[in-house]
Amino acid sequence: MDQRKMTEAQRAYEAKRAAKAGMSLEKWLANKEKDAAAERAQAEKTAKAEAAPKKPGFFARMLEKAQKPL
């Protein structure tokens, strides 16, 4: 989260979490943003892989037709 967009309460909460983790607030926010970006990239990658199932090839379709009863 950008410090300009955070309210004083949010900033205090993040400062407590940073202190508990033994980091400075700036380092904590940078680490949090990096983790969020990695999570978004991973979610995008999995969504892209699941979204486009591949159509069966020519021979697979022919074998499927050959195994159907007349």
C-alpha atoms as a PDB file:
ATOM      1  CA  MET A   1       0.000   0.000   0.000  1.00  0.00           C
ATOM      2  CA  ASP A   2       1.213   3.426  -0.836  1.00  0.00           C
ATOM      3  CA  GLN A   3       1.812   5.603   2.193  1.00  0.00           C
ATOM      4  CA  ARG A   4      -0.115   8.467   0.586  1.00  0.00           C
ATOM      5  CA  LYS A   5      -3.251   6.311   0.339  1.00  0.00           C
ATOM      6  CA  MET A   6      -3.103   5.005   3.904  1.00  0.00           C
ATOM      7  CA  THR A   7      -5.016   6.569   6.783  1.00  0.00           C
ATOM      8  CA  GLU A   8      -3.299   7.152  10.103  1.00  0.00           C
ATOM      9  CA  ALA A   9      -5.021   4.074  11.571  1.00  0.00           C
ATOM     10  CA  GLN A  10      -3.832   1.879   8.700  1.00  0.00           C
ATOM     11  CA  ARG A  11      -0.330   3.297   9.010  1.00  0.00           C
ATOM     12  CA  ALA A  12      -0.297   2.569  12.762  1.00  0.00           C
ATOM     13  CA  TYR A  13      -1.542  -0.993  12.162  1.00  0.00           C
ATOM     14  CA  GLU A  14       1.128  -1.646   9.537  1.00  0.00           C
ATOM     15  CA  ALA A  15       3.774  -0.120  11.832  1.00  0.00           C
ATOM     16  CA  LYS A  16       2.756  -2.578  14.589  1.00  0.00           C
ATOM     17  CA  ARG A  17       2.991  -5.508  12.186  1.00  0.00           C
ATOM     18  CA  ALA A  18       6.380  -4.304  10.930  1.00  0.00           C
ATOM     19  CA  ALA A  19       7.688  -3.955  14.490  1.00  0.00           C
ATOM     20  CA  LYS A  20       6.441  -7.439  15.332  1.00  0.00           C
ATOM     21  CA  ALA A  21       8.304  -8.804  12.290  1.00  0.00           C
ATOM     22  CA  GLY A  22      11.425  -6.829  13.213  1.00  0.00           C
ATOM     23  CA  MET A  23      11.395  -4.609  10.115  1.00  0.00           C
ATOM     24  CA  SER A  24      11.076  -0.923   9.396  1.00  0.00           C
ATOM     25  CA  LEU A  25       7.733   0.277   8.087  1.00  0.00           C
ATOM     26  CA  GLU A  26       9.165   1.100   4.651  1.00  0.00           C
ATOM     27  CA  LYS A  27      10.809  -2.302   4.344  1.00  0.00           C
ATOM     28  CA  TRP A  28       7.611  -4.007   5.544  1.00  0.00           C
ATOM     29  CA  LEU A  29       5.467  -2.188   2.960  1.00  0.00           C
ATOM     30  CA  ALA A  30       7.952  -2.927   0.167  1.00  0.00           C
ATOM     31  CA  ASN A  31       8.005  -6.614   1.135  1.00  0.00           C
ATOM     32  CA  LYS A  32       4.217  -6.688   1.340  1.00  0.00           C
ATOM     33  CA  GLU A  33       3.894  -5.123  -2.131  1.00  0.00           C
ATOM     34  CA  LYS A  34       6.421  -7.586  -3.576  1.00  0.00           C
ATOM     35  CA  ASP A  35       4.492 -10.528  -2.102  1.00  0.00           C
ATOM     36  CA  ALA A  36       1.206  -9.180  -3.476  1.00  0.00           C
ATOM     37  CA  ALA A  37       2.724  -8.771  -6.941  1.00  0.00           C
ATOM     38  CA  ALA A  38       4.064 -12.339  -6.868  1.00  0.00           C
ATOM     39  CA  GLU A  39       0.661 -13.641  -5.780  1.00  0.00           C
ATOM     40  CA  ARG A  40      -1.087 -11.725  -8.593  1.00  0.00           C
ATOM     41  CA  ALA A  41       1.389 -13.116 -11.129  1.00  0.00           C
ATOM     42  CA  GLN A  42       0.842 -16.660  -9.875  1.00  0.00           C
ATOM     43  CA  ALA A  43      -2.946 -16.257  -9.966  1.00  0.00           C
ATOM     44  CA  GLU A  44      -2.750 -14.858 -13.487  1.00  0.00           C
ATOM     45  CA  LYS A  45      -0.561 -17.734 -14.618  1.00  0.00           C
ATOM     46  CA  THR A  46      -2.916 -20.390 -13.217  1.00  0.00           C
ATOM     47  CA  ALA A  47      -5.994 -18.642 -14.623  1.00  0.00           C
ATOM     48  CA  LYS A  48      -4.386 -18.475 -18.037  1.00  0.00           C
ATOM     49  CA  ALA A  49      -3.476 -22.177 -17.941  1.00  0.00           C
ATOM     50  CA  GLU A  50      -6.982 -23.213 -16.875  1.00  0.00           C
ATOM     51  CA  ALA A  51      -8.851 -20.872 -19.208  1.00  0.00           C
ATOM     52  CA  ALA A  52      -7.748 -22.376 -22.508  1.00  0.00           C
ATOM     53  CA  PRO A  53      -8.265 -26.136 -22.665  1.00  0.00           C
ATOM     54  CA  LYS A  54      -6.709 -27.467 -25.826  1.00  0.00           C
ATOM     55  CA  LYS A  55      -8.945 -28.951 -28.499  1.00  0.00           C
ATOM     56  CA  PRO A  56      -8.158 -32.622 -29.247  1.00  0.00           C
ATOM     57  CA  GLY A  57      -5.950 -33.162 -32.274  1.00  0.00           C
ATOM     58  CA  PHE A  58      -6.938 -34.702 -35.578  1.00  0.00           C
ATOM     59  CA  PHE A  59      -5.969 -38.276 -34.701  1.00  0.00           C
ATOM     60  CA  ALA A  60      -7.580 -38.085 -31.264  1.00  0.00           C
ATOM     61  CA  ARG A  61     -10.859 -36.990 -32.850  1.00  0.00           C
ATOM     62  CA  MET A  62     -10.650 -39.792 -35.428  1.00  0.00           C
ATOM     63  CA  LEU A  63      -9.991 -42.409 -32.729  1.00  0.00           C
ATOM     64  CA  GLU A  64     -12.916 -41.096 -30.727  1.00  0.00           C
ATOM     65  CA  LYS A  65     -15.211 -41.336 -33.749  1.00  0.00           C
ATOM     66  CA  ALA A  66     -13.937 -44.843 -34.547  1.00  0.00           C
ATOM     67  CA  GLN A  67     -14.797 -46.089 -31.054  1.00  0.00           C
ATOM     68  CA  LYS A  68     -18.379 -44.829 -31.093  1.00  0.00           C
ATOM     69  CA  PRO A  69     -20.983 -47.471 -31.926  1.00  0.00           C
ATOM     70  CA  LEU A  70     -22.759 -47.226 -35.258  1.00  0.00           C
END
